PDB file of N, CA and C in Angstrom:
ATOM      1  N   MET A   1       0.845  -1.177   0.000  1.00  0.00           N
ATOM      2  CA  MET A   1       0.000   0.000   0.000  1.00  0.00           C
ATOM      3  C   MET A   1       0.893   1.244   0.000  1.00  0.00           C
ATOM      4  N   THR A   2       0.579   2.177  -0.870  1.00  0.00           N
ATOM      5  CA  THR A   2       1.373   3.406  -0.965  1.00  0.00           C
ATOM      6  C   THR A   2       1.029   4.346   0.187  1.00  0.00           C
ATOM      7  N   PRO A   3       1.909   5.300   0.465  1.00  0.00           N
ATOM      8  CA  PRO A   3       1.586   6.289   1.501  1.00  0.00           C
ATOM      9  C   PRO A   3       0.290   7.057   1.197  1.00  0.00           C
ATOM     10  N   LEU A   4       0.027   7.322  -0.074  1.00  0.00           N
ATOM     11  CA  LEU A   4      -1.207   8.025  -0.433  1.00  0.00           C
ATOM     12  C   LEU A   4      -2.430   7.154  -0.145  1.00  0.00           C
ATOM     13  N   GLN A   5      -2.330   5.866  -0.428  1.00  0.00           N
ATOM     14  CA  GLN A   5      -3.423   4.952  -0.112  1.00  0.00           C
ATOM     15  C   GLN A   5      -3.613   4.836   1.402  1.00  0.00           C
ATOM     16  N   GLN A   6      -2.510   4.802   2.146  1.00  0.00           N
ATOM     17  CA  GLN A   6      -2.601   4.760   3.607  1.00  0.00           C
ATOM     18  C   GLN A   6      -3.277   6.016   4.138  1.00  0.00           C
ATOM     19  N   LEU A   7      -2.912   7.155   3.583  1.00  0.00           N
ATOM     20  CA  LEU A   7      -3.523   8.418   3.995  1.00  0.00           C
ATOM     21  C   LEU A   7      -5.015   8.413   3.709  1.00  0.00           C
ATOM     22  N   ALA A   8      -5.394   7.977   2.520  1.00  0.00           N
ATOM     23  CA  ALA A   8      -6.815   7.928   2.153  1.00  0.00           C
ATOM     24  C   ALA A   8      -7.580   7.012   3.104  1.00  0.00           C
ATOM     25  N   GLU A   9      -6.970   5.903   3.478  1.00  0.00           N
ATOM     26  CA  GLU A   9      -7.609   4.970   4.410  1.00  0.00           C
ATOM     27  C   GLU A   9      -7.774   5.605   5.791  1.00  0.00           C
ATOM     28  N   THR A  10      -6.761   6.304   6.238  1.00  0.00           N
ATOM     29  CA  THR A  10      -6.828   6.988   7.529  1.00  0.00           C
ATOM     30  C   THR A  10      -7.932   8.041   7.515  1.00  0.00           C
ATOM     31  N   ILE A  11      -8.023   8.797   6.434  1.00  0.00           N
ATOM     32  CA  ILE A  11      -9.077   9.817   6.321  1.00  0.00           C
ATOM     33  C   ILE A  11     -10.445   9.160   6.380  1.00  0.00           C
ATOM     34  N   LEU A  12     -10.610   8.061   5.677  1.00  0.00           N
ATOM     35  CA  LEU A  12     -11.878   7.329   5.704  1.00  0.00           C
ATOM     36  C   LEU A  12     -12.204   6.866   7.121  1.00  0.00           C
ATOM     37  N   ASP A  13     -11.212   6.348   7.829  1.00  0.00           N
ATOM     38  CA  ASP A  13     -11.414   5.916   9.214  1.00  0.00           C
ATOM     39  C   ASP A  13     -11.813   7.080  10.113  1.00  0.00           C
ATOM     40  N   ARG A  14     -11.252   8.246   9.858  1.00  0.00           N
ATOM     41  CA  ARG A  14     -11.511   9.416  10.703  1.00  0.00           C
ATOM     42  C   ARG A  14     -12.898  10.028  10.477  1.00  0.00           C
ATOM     43  N   LYS A  15     -13.562   9.630   9.403  1.00  0.00           N
ATOM     44  CA  LYS A  15     -14.915  10.163   9.146  1.00  0.00           C
ATOM     45  C   LYS A  15     -15.850   9.868  10.316  1.00  0.00           C
ATOM     46  N   SER A  16     -15.591   8.773  11.016  1.00  0.00           N
ATOM     47  CA  SER A  16     -16.458   8.401  12.142  1.00  0.00           C
ATOM     48  C   SER A  16     -15.804   8.702  13.493  1.00  0.00           C
ATOM     49  N   ALA A  17     -14.678   9.389  13.483  1.00  0.00           N
ATOM     50  CA  ALA A  17     -13.972   9.701  14.726  1.00  0.00           C
ATOM     51  C   ALA A  17     -14.578  10.925  15.413  1.00  0.00           C
ATOM     52  N   ASP A  18     -14.179  11.124  16.638  1.00  0.00           N
ATOM     53  CA  ASP A  18     -14.621  12.274  17.437  1.00  0.00           C
ATOM     54  C   ASP A  18     -13.868  13.521  16.971  1.00  0.00           C
ATOM     55  N   PRO A  19     -14.583  14.568  16.564  1.00  0.00           N
ATOM     56  CA  PRO A  19     -13.919  15.803  16.121  1.00  0.00           C
ATOM     57  C   PRO A  19     -13.044  16.452  17.198  1.00  0.00           C
ATOM     58  N   ASP A  20     -13.268  16.097  18.466  1.00  0.00           N
ATOM     59  CA  ASP A  20     -12.439  16.649  19.531  1.00  0.00           C
ATOM     60  C   ASP A  20     -11.083  15.957  19.634  1.00  0.00           C
ATOM     61  N   THR A  21     -10.943  14.811  18.963  1.00  0.00           N
ATOM     62  CA  THR A  21      -9.688  14.065  19.058  1.00  0.00           C
ATOM     63  C   THR A  21      -9.008  13.865  17.711  1.00  0.00           C
ATOM     64  N   SER A  22      -9.614  14.353  16.629  1.00  0.00           N
ATOM     65  CA  SER A  22      -9.049  14.140  15.296  1.00  0.00           C
ATOM     66  C   SER A  22      -9.227  15.399  14.443  1.00  0.00           C
ATOM     67  N   TRP A  23      -8.115  15.915  13.924  1.00  0.00           N
ATOM     68  CA  TRP A  23      -8.166  17.085  13.038  1.00  0.00           C
ATOM     69  C   TRP A  23      -8.987  16.770  11.783  1.00  0.00           C
ATOM     70  N   THR A  24      -8.800  15.584  11.244  1.00  0.00           N
ATOM     71  CA  THR A  24      -9.542  15.190  10.043  1.00  0.00           C
ATOM     72  C   THR A  24     -11.033  15.149  10.334  1.00  0.00           C
ATOM     73  N   ALA A  25     -11.418  14.528  11.450  1.00  0.00           N
ATOM     74  CA  ALA A  25     -12.838  14.473  11.823  1.00  0.00           C
ATOM     75  C   ALA A  25     -13.386  15.881  12.039  1.00  0.00           C
ATOM     76  N   LYS A  26     -12.577  16.747  12.625  1.00  0.00           N
ATOM     77  CA  LYS A  26     -13.008  18.136  12.853  1.00  0.00           C
ATOM     78  C   LYS A  26     -13.274  18.844  11.521  1.00  0.00           C
ATOM     79  N   LEU A  27     -12.348  18.681  10.573  1.00  0.00           N
ATOM     80  CA  LEU A  27     -12.547  19.282   9.242  1.00  0.00           C
ATOM     81  C   LEU A  27     -13.815  18.745   8.584  1.00  0.00           C
ATOM     82  N   LEU A  28     -13.960  17.427   8.596  1.00  0.00           N
ATOM     83  CA  LEU A  28     -15.118  16.800   7.957  1.00  0.00           C
ATOM     84  C   LEU A  28     -16.424  17.221   8.622  1.00  0.00           C
ATOM     85  N   SER A  29     -16.392  17.445   9.927  1.00  0.00           N
ATOM     86  CA  SER A  29     -17.614  17.842  10.644  1.00  0.00           C
ATOM     87  C   SER A  29     -18.079  19.239  10.254  1.00  0.00           C
ATOM     88  N   LYS A  30     -17.174  20.027   9.678  1.00  0.00           N
ATOM     89  CA  LYS A  30     -17.519  21.395   9.256  1.00  0.00           C
ATOM     90  C   LYS A  30     -18.161  21.434   7.875  1.00  0.00           C
ATOM     91  N   GLY A  31     -18.194  20.277   7.210  1.00  0.00           N
ATOM     92  CA  GLY A  31     -18.881  20.180   5.930  1.00  0.00           C
ATOM     93  C   GLY A  31     -17.964  20.314   4.730  1.00  0.00           C
ATOM     94  N   PRO A  32     -18.489  19.890   3.572  1.00  0.00           N
ATOM     95  CA  PRO A  32     -17.691  19.902   2.335  1.00  0.00           C
ATOM     96  C   PRO A  32     -17.201  21.285   1.930  1.00  0.00           C
ATOM     97  N   GLU A  33     -17.987  22.299   2.209  1.00  0.00           N
ATOM     98  CA  GLU A  33     -17.590  23.650   1.804  1.00  0.00           C
ATOM     99  C   GLU A  33     -16.330  24.091   2.547  1.00  0.00           C
ATOM    100  N   LYS A  34     -16.273  23.828   3.849  1.00  0.00           N
ATOM    101  CA  LYS A  34     -15.083  24.187   4.643  1.00  0.00           C
ATOM    102  C   LYS A  34     -13.885  23.356   4.204  1.00  0.00           C
ATOM    103  N   CYS A  35     -14.122  22.077   3.909  1.00  0.00           N
ATOM    104  CA  CYS A  35     -13.035  21.224   3.422  1.00  0.00           C
ATOM    105  C   CYS A  35     -12.491  21.764   2.101  1.00  0.00           C
ATOM    106  N   ALA A  36     -13.369  22.225   1.224  1.00  0.00           N
ATOM    107  CA  ALA A  36     -12.953  22.794  -0.061  1.00  0.00           C
ATOM    108  C   ALA A  36     -12.166  24.087   0.156  1.00  0.00           C
ATOM    109  N   GLU A  37     -12.641  24.907   1.081  1.00  0.00           N
ATOM    110  CA  GLU A  37     -11.941  26.159   1.392  1.00  0.00           C
ATOM    111  C   GLU A  37     -10.524  25.872   1.891  1.00  0.00           C
ATOM    112  N   LYS A  38     -10.398  24.895   2.767  1.00  0.00           N
ATOM    113  CA  LYS A  38      -9.090  24.559   3.321  1.00  0.00           C
ATOM    114  C   LYS A  38      -8.170  23.999   2.229  1.00  0.00           C
ATOM    115  N   PHE A  39      -8.718  23.175   1.328  1.00  0.00           N
ATOM    116  CA  PHE A  39      -7.921  22.680   0.208  1.00  0.00           C
ATOM    117  C   PHE A  39      -7.427  23.854  -0.640  1.00  0.00           C
ATOM    118  N   GLY A  40      -8.295  24.805  -0.909  1.00  0.00           N
ATOM    119  CA  GLY A  40      -7.905  25.978  -1.692  1.00  0.00           C
ATOM    120  C   GLY A  40      -6.758  26.739  -1.048  1.00  0.00           C
ATOM    121  N   GLU A  41      -6.834  26.925   0.256  1.00  0.00           N
ATOM    122  CA  GLU A  41      -5.756  27.611   0.976  1.00  0.00           C
ATOM    123  C   GLU A  41      -4.430  26.862   0.822  1.00  0.00           C
ATOM    124  N   GLU A  42      -4.488  25.550   1.004  1.00  0.00           N
ATOM    125  CA  GLU A  42      -3.263  24.748   0.905  1.00  0.00           C
ATOM    126  C   GLU A  42      -2.721  24.724  -0.523  1.00  0.00           C
ATOM    127  N   ALA A  43      -3.603  24.694  -1.509  1.00  0.00           N
ATOM    128  CA  ALA A  43      -3.169  24.715  -2.904  1.00  0.00           C
ATOM    129  C   ALA A  43      -2.454  26.027  -3.218  1.00  0.00           C
ATOM    130  N   VAL A  44      -2.987  27.131  -2.713  1.00  0.00           N
ATOM    131  CA  VAL A  44      -2.348  28.433  -2.934  1.00  0.00           C
ATOM    132  C   VAL A  44      -0.970  28.464  -2.278  1.00  0.00           C
ATOM    133  N   GLU A  45      -0.868  27.913  -1.068  1.00  0.00           N
ATOM    134  CA  GLU A  45       0.435  27.869  -0.400  1.00  0.00           C
ATOM    135  C   GLU A  45       1.443  27.053  -1.210  1.00  0.00           C
ATOM    136  N   ALA A  46       0.997  25.961  -1.812  1.00  0.00           N
ATOM    137  CA  ALA A  46       1.886  25.158  -2.660  1.00  0.00           C
ATOM    138  C   ALA A  46       2.309  25.955  -3.893  1.00  0.00           C
ATOM    139  N   ILE A  47       1.380  26.683  -4.471  1.00  0.00           N
ATOM    140  CA  ILE A  47       1.690  27.511  -5.642  1.00  0.00           C
ATOM    141  C   ILE A  47       2.740  28.558  -5.288  1.00  0.00           C
ATOM    142  N   ILE A  48       2.572  29.194  -4.143  1.00  0.00           N
ATOM    143  CA  ILE A  48       3.529  30.220  -3.711  1.00  0.00           C
ATOM    144  C   ILE A  48       4.931  29.630  -3.589  1.00  0.00           C
ATOM    145  N   GLU A  49       5.031  28.450  -2.982  1.00  0.00           N
ATOM    146  CA  GLU A  49       6.345  27.828  -2.817  1.00  0.00           C
ATOM    147  C   GLU A  49       6.913  27.373  -4.162  1.00  0.00           C
ATOM    148  N   ALA A  50       6.056  26.966  -5.093  1.00  0.00           N
ATOM    149  CA  ALA A  50       6.531  26.597  -6.429  1.00  0.00           C
ATOM    150  C   ALA A  50       7.125  27.811  -7.137  1.00  0.00           C
ATOM    151  N   VAL A  51       6.477  28.950  -6.988  1.00  0.00           N
ATOM    152  CA  VAL A  51       6.970  30.176  -7.614  1.00  0.00           C
ATOM    153  C   VAL A  51       8.285  30.614  -6.968  1.00  0.00           C
ATOM    154  N   LYS A  52       8.365  30.489  -5.656  1.00  0.00           N
ATOM    155  CA  LYS A  52       9.589  30.886  -4.939  1.00  0.00           C
ATOM    156  C   LYS A  52      10.755  29.964  -5.269  1.00  0.00           C
ATOM    157  N   GLY A  53      10.455  28.700  -5.569  1.00  0.00           N
ATOM    158  CA  GLY A  53      11.511  27.763  -5.921  1.00  0.00           C
ATOM    159  C   GLY A  53      12.140  27.048  -4.742  1.00  0.00           C
ATOM    160  N   ASP A  54      11.495  27.109  -3.571  1.00  0.00           N
ATOM    161  CA  ASP A  54      12.026  26.400  -2.408  1.00  0.00           C
ATOM    162  C   ASP A  54      11.512  24.965  -2.438  1.00  0.00           C
ATOM    163  N   ARG A  55      12.380  24.040  -2.834  1.00  0.00           N
ATOM    164  CA  ARG A  55      11.991  22.641  -3.036  1.00  0.00           C
ATOM    165  C   ARG A  55      11.442  21.994  -1.771  1.00  0.00           C
ATOM    166  N   ASP A  56      12.108  22.195  -0.637  1.00  0.00           N
ATOM    167  CA  ASP A  56      11.656  21.573   0.609  1.00  0.00           C
ATOM    168  C   ASP A  56      10.297  22.099   1.048  1.00  0.00           C
ATOM    169  N   LYS A  57      10.126  23.411   0.957  1.00  0.00           N
ATOM    170  CA  LYS A  57       8.832  23.988   1.340  1.00  0.00           C
ATOM    171  C   LYS A  57       7.735  23.570   0.365  1.00  0.00           C
ATOM    172  N   LEU A  58       8.065  23.483  -0.920  1.00  0.00           N
ATOM    173  CA  LEU A  58       7.085  23.016  -1.898  1.00  0.00           C
ATOM    174  C   LEU A  58       6.681  21.581  -1.596  1.00  0.00           C
ATOM    175  N   THR A  59       7.648  20.744  -1.264  1.00  0.00           N
ATOM    176  CA  THR A  59       7.348  19.351  -0.926  1.00  0.00           C
ATOM    177  C   THR A  59       6.382  19.284   0.247  1.00  0.00           C
ATOM    178  N   SER A  60       6.632  20.069   1.267  1.00  0.00           N
ATOM    179  CA  SER A  60       5.767  20.092   2.450  1.00  0.00           C
ATOM    180  C   SER A  60       4.371  20.606   2.115  1.00  0.00           C
ATOM    181  N   GLU A  61       4.309  21.678   1.372  1.00  0.00           N
ATOM    182  CA  GLU A  61       3.009  22.256   1.013  1.00  0.00           C
ATOM    183  C   GLU A  61       2.241  21.337   0.050  1.00  0.00           C
ATOM    184  N   ALA A  62       2.954  20.657  -0.836  1.00  0.00           N
ATOM    185  CA  ALA A  62       2.295  19.709  -1.741  1.00  0.00           C
ATOM    186  C   ALA A  62       1.686  18.559  -0.946  1.00  0.00           C
ATOM    187  N   ALA A  63       2.394  18.093   0.084  1.00  0.00           N
ATOM    188  CA  ALA A  63       1.852  17.038   0.945  1.00  0.00           C
ATOM    189  C   ALA A  63       0.588  17.532   1.648  1.00  0.00           C
ATOM    190  N   ASP A  64       0.625  18.765   2.143  1.00  0.00           N
ATOM    191  CA  ASP A  64      -0.563  19.342   2.786  1.00  0.00           C
ATOM    192  C   ASP A  64      -1.720  19.438   1.795  1.00  0.00           C
ATOM    193  N   ALA A  65      -1.414  19.866   0.568  1.00  0.00           N
ATOM    194  CA  ALA A  65      -2.465  20.007  -0.443  1.00  0.00           C
ATOM    195  C   ALA A  65      -3.070  18.648  -0.791  1.00  0.00           C
ATOM    196  N   LEU A  66      -2.244  17.614  -0.922  1.00  0.00           N
ATOM    197  CA  LEU A  66      -2.770  16.279  -1.205  1.00  0.00           C
ATOM    198  C   LEU A  66      -3.673  15.791  -0.072  1.00  0.00           C
ATOM    199  N   TYR A  67      -3.239  16.006   1.164  1.00  0.00           N
ATOM    200  CA  TYR A  67      -4.067  15.631   2.315  1.00  0.00           C
ATOM    201  C   TYR A  67      -5.421  16.330   2.247  1.00  0.00           C
ATOM    202  N   HIS A  68      -5.403  17.634   2.057  1.00  0.00           N
ATOM    203  CA  HIS A  68      -6.654  18.397   2.050  1.00  0.00           C
ATOM    204  C   HIS A  68      -7.508  18.084   0.819  1.00  0.00           C
ATOM    205  N   LEU A  69      -6.893  17.736  -0.304  1.00  0.00           N
ATOM    206  CA  LEU A  69      -7.639  17.285  -1.472  1.00  0.00           C
ATOM    207  C   LEU A  69      -8.410  16.010  -1.131  1.00  0.00           C
ATOM    208  N   LEU A  70      -7.734  15.068  -0.485  1.00  0.00           N
ATOM    209  CA  LEU A  70      -8.393  13.810  -0.124  1.00  0.00           C
ATOM    210  C   LEU A  70      -9.488  14.022   0.916  1.00  0.00           C
ATOM    211  N   VAL A  71      -9.277  14.943   1.855  1.00  0.00           N
ATOM    212  CA  VAL A  71     -10.329  15.252   2.836  1.00  0.00           C
ATOM    213  C   VAL A  71     -11.532  15.866   2.126  1.00  0.00           C
ATOM    214  N   MET A  72     -11.285  16.812   1.222  1.00  0.00           N
ATOM    215  CA  MET A  72     -12.378  17.436   0.476  1.00  0.00           C
ATOM    216  C   MET A  72     -13.159  16.392  -0.310  1.00  0.00           C
ATOM    217  N   CYS A  73     -12.455  15.503  -0.974  1.00  0.00           N
ATOM    218  CA  CYS A  73     -13.129  14.455  -1.744  1.00  0.00           C
ATOM    219  C   CYS A  73     -13.903  13.513  -0.830  1.00  0.00           C
ATOM    220  N   ALA A  74     -13.322  13.159   0.305  1.00  0.00           N
ATOM    221  CA  ALA A  74     -14.014  12.281   1.265  1.00  0.00           C
ATOM    222  C   ALA A  74     -15.291  12.932   1.767  1.00  0.00           C
ATOM    223  N   ALA A  75     -15.280  14.244   1.908  1.00  0.00           N
ATOM    224  CA  ALA A  75     -16.472  14.957   2.362  1.00  0.00           C
ATOM    225  C   ALA A  75     -17.627  14.814   1.369  1.00  0.00           C
ATOM    226  N   ARG A  76     -17.300  14.519   0.126  1.00  0.00           N
ATOM    227  CA  ARG A  76     -18.306  14.309  -0.924  1.00  0.00           C
ATOM    228  C   ARG A  76     -18.350  12.851  -1.371  1.00  0.00           C
ATOM    229  N   ASP A  77     -17.792  11.966  -0.549  1.00  0.00           N
ATOM    230  CA  ASP A  77     -17.796  10.521  -0.813  1.00  0.00           C
ATOM    231  C   ASP A  77     -17.128  10.146  -2.132  1.00  0.00           C
ATOM    232  N   VAL A  78     -16.077  10.855  -2.467  1.00  0.00           N
ATOM    233  CA  VAL A  78     -15.231  10.501  -3.608  1.00  0.00           C
ATOM    234  C   VAL A  78     -13.950   9.914  -3.023  1.00  0.00           C
ATOM    235  N   SER A  79     -13.670   8.675  -3.351  1.00  0.00           N
ATOM    236  CA  SER A  79     -12.521   7.981  -2.763  1.00  0.00           C
ATOM    237  C   SER A  79     -11.279   8.113  -3.642  1.00  0.00           C
ATOM    238  N   LEU A  80     -10.134   7.792  -3.049  1.00  0.00           N
ATOM    239  CA  LEU A  80      -8.905   7.738  -3.828  1.00  0.00           C
ATOM    240  C   LEU A  80      -9.052   6.710  -4.945  1.00  0.00           C
ATOM    241  N   ALA A  81      -9.732   5.605  -4.670  1.00  0.00           N
ATOM    242  CA  ALA A  81      -9.966   4.579  -5.705  1.00  0.00           C
ATOM    243  C   ALA A  81     -10.754   5.163  -6.875  1.00  0.00           C
ATOM    244  N   ASP A  82     -11.731   6.031  -6.580  1.00  0.00           N
ATOM    245  CA  ASP A  82     -12.491   6.693  -7.653  1.00  0.00           C
ATOM    246  C   ASP A  82     -11.567   7.557  -8.502  1.00  0.00           C
ATOM    247  N   ILE A  83     -10.691   8.293  -7.838  1.00  0.00           N
ATOM    248  CA  ILE A  83      -9.759   9.181  -8.539  1.00  0.00           C
ATOM    249  C   ILE A  83      -8.773   8.356  -9.365  1.00  0.00           C
ATOM    250  N   GLU A  84      -8.269   7.276  -8.768  1.00  0.00           N
ATOM    251  CA  GLU A  84      -7.337   6.411  -9.492  1.00  0.00           C
ATOM    252  C   GLU A  84      -8.006   5.773 -10.710  1.00  0.00           C
ATOM    253  N   ALA A  85      -9.278   5.400 -10.579  1.00  0.00           N
ATOM    254  CA  ALA A  85     -10.002   4.810 -11.711  1.00  0.00           C
ATOM    255  C   ALA A  85     -10.139   5.827 -12.846  1.00  0.00           C
ATOM    256  N   GLU A  86     -10.381   7.068 -12.495  1.00  0.00           N
ATOM    257  CA  GLU A  86     -10.479   8.108 -13.522  1.00  0.00           C
ATOM    258  C   GLU A  86      -9.129   8.333 -14.195  1.00  0.00           C
ATOM    259  N   LEU A  87      -8.068   8.339 -13.399  1.00  0.00           N
ATOM    260  CA  LEU A  87      -6.732   8.477 -13.984  1.00  0.00           C
ATOM    261  C   LEU A  87      -6.409   7.297 -14.896  1.00  0.00           C
ATOM    262  N   ALA A  88      -6.791   6.092 -14.477  1.00  0.00           N
ATOM    263  CA  ALA A  88      -6.562   4.897 -15.306  1.00  0.00           C
ATOM    264  C   ALA A  88      -7.346   4.999 -16.610  1.00  0.00           C
ATOM    265  N   ARG A  89      -8.564   5.512 -16.538  1.00  0.00           N
ATOM    266  CA  ARG A  89      -9.382   5.670 -17.739  1.00  0.00           C
ATOM    267  C   ARG A  89      -8.704   6.617 -18.724  1.00  0.00           C
ATOM    268  N   ARG A  90      -8.068   7.644 -18.194  1.00  0.00           N
ATOM    269  CA  ARG A  90      -7.420   8.647 -19.040  1.00  0.00           C
ATOM    270  C   ARG A  90      -6.046   8.209 -19.529  1.00  0.00           C
ATOM    271  N   HIS A  91      -5.445   7.218 -18.896  1.00  0.00           N
ATOM    272  CA  HIS A  91      -4.079   6.811 -19.235  1.00  0.00           C
ATOM    273  C   HIS A  91      -3.983   6.433 -20.718  1.00  0.00           C
ATOM    274  N   GLY A  92      -2.939   6.916 -21.341  1.00  0.00           N
ATOM    275  CA  GLY A  92      -2.717   6.607 -22.749  1.00  0.00           C
ATOM    276  C   GLY A  92      -3.427   7.561 -23.691  1.00  0.00           C
ATOM    277  N   THR A  93      -4.202   8.475 -23.126  1.00  0.00           N
ATOM    278  CA  THR A  93      -4.882   9.475 -23.940  1.00  0.00           C
ATOM    279  C   THR A  93      -4.079  10.763 -23.860  1.00  0.00           C
ATOM    280  N   SER A  94      -3.833  11.367 -24.971  1.00  0.00           N
ATOM    281  CA  SER A  94      -3.138  12.646 -25.000  1.00  0.00           C
ATOM    282  C   SER A  94      -3.897  13.645 -24.144  1.00  0.00           C
ATOM    283  N   GLY A  95      -3.168  14.417 -23.374  1.00  0.00           N
ATOM    284  CA  GLY A  95      -3.799  15.468 -22.575  1.00  0.00           C
ATOM    285  C   GLY A  95      -4.576  16.442 -23.435  1.00  0.00           C
ATOM    286  N   LEU A  96      -4.051  16.733 -24.606  1.00  0.00           N
ATOM    287  CA  LEU A  96      -4.747  17.645 -25.515  1.00  0.00           C
ATOM    288  C   LEU A  96      -6.045  17.017 -26.027  1.00  0.00           C
ATOM    289  N   ALA A  97      -5.995  15.728 -26.355  1.00  0.00           N
ATOM    290  CA  ALA A  97      -7.203  15.037 -26.832  1.00  0.00           C
ATOM    291  C   ALA A  97      -8.234  14.916 -25.717  1.00  0.00           C
ATOM    292  N   GLU A  98      -7.771  14.622 -24.497  1.00  0.00           N
ATOM    293  CA  GLU A  98      -8.683  14.482 -23.368  1.00  0.00           C
ATOM    294  C   GLU A  98      -9.376  15.805 -23.079  1.00  0.00           C
ATOM    295  N   LYS A  99      -8.631  16.894 -23.118  1.00  0.00           N
ATOM    296  CA  LYS A  99      -9.214  18.220 -22.875  1.00  0.00           C
ATOM    297  C   LYS A  99     -10.189  18.579 -23.979  1.00  0.00           C
ATOM    298  N   ALA A 100      -9.835  18.295 -25.207  1.00  0.00           N
ATOM    299  CA  ALA A 100     -10.737  18.594 -26.336  1.00  0.00           C
ATOM    300  C   ALA A 100     -12.045  17.824 -26.208  1.00  0.00           C
ATOM    301  N   ALA A 101     -11.973  16.593 -25.736  1.00  0.00           N
ATOM    302  CA  ALA A 101     -13.186  15.785 -25.562  1.00  0.00           C
ATOM    303  C   ALA A 101     -14.084  16.372 -24.483  1.00  0.00           C
ATOM    304  N   ARG A 102     -13.496  16.972 -23.443  1.00  0.00           N
ATOM    305  CA  ARG A 102     -14.290  17.595 -22.373  1.00  0.00           C
ATOM    306  C   ARG A 102     -14.924  18.898 -22.841  1.00  0.00           C
ATOM    307  N   ASP A 103     -14.308  19.568 -23.789  1.00  0.00           N
ATOM    308  CA  ASP A 103     -14.797  20.869 -24.238  1.00  0.00           C
ATOM    309  C   ASP A 103     -15.968  20.772 -25.211  1.00  0.00           C
ATOM    310  N   THR A 104     -16.304  19.554 -25.626  1.00  0.00           N
ATOM    311  CA  THR A 104     -17.407  19.411 -26.595  1.00  0.00           C
ATOM    312  C   THR A 104     -18.715  19.109 -25.917  1.00  0.00           C
TER     313      THR A 104
END
């Protein structure tokens, strides 16, 4: 199991945890909108570090963004397996062709 799969599993487990004892449960208890807001904040922080060029800080912020992405998706019952299935469906398709197909 990859670290990302382990993280997704932990997030799923925390959906039923006490918000007073789990940061993930606390985020999820605030609803999908708050989870989305927090993901947006973390994504912006990752972008800032990418622009600055600090590799270590970008790595840390990217990890935070991935965590918050998975929490946001869990809040809407979208699993890592769902995301992986979509990526598998797209595999082997040119990014340009895939985008063109979405635009029609």
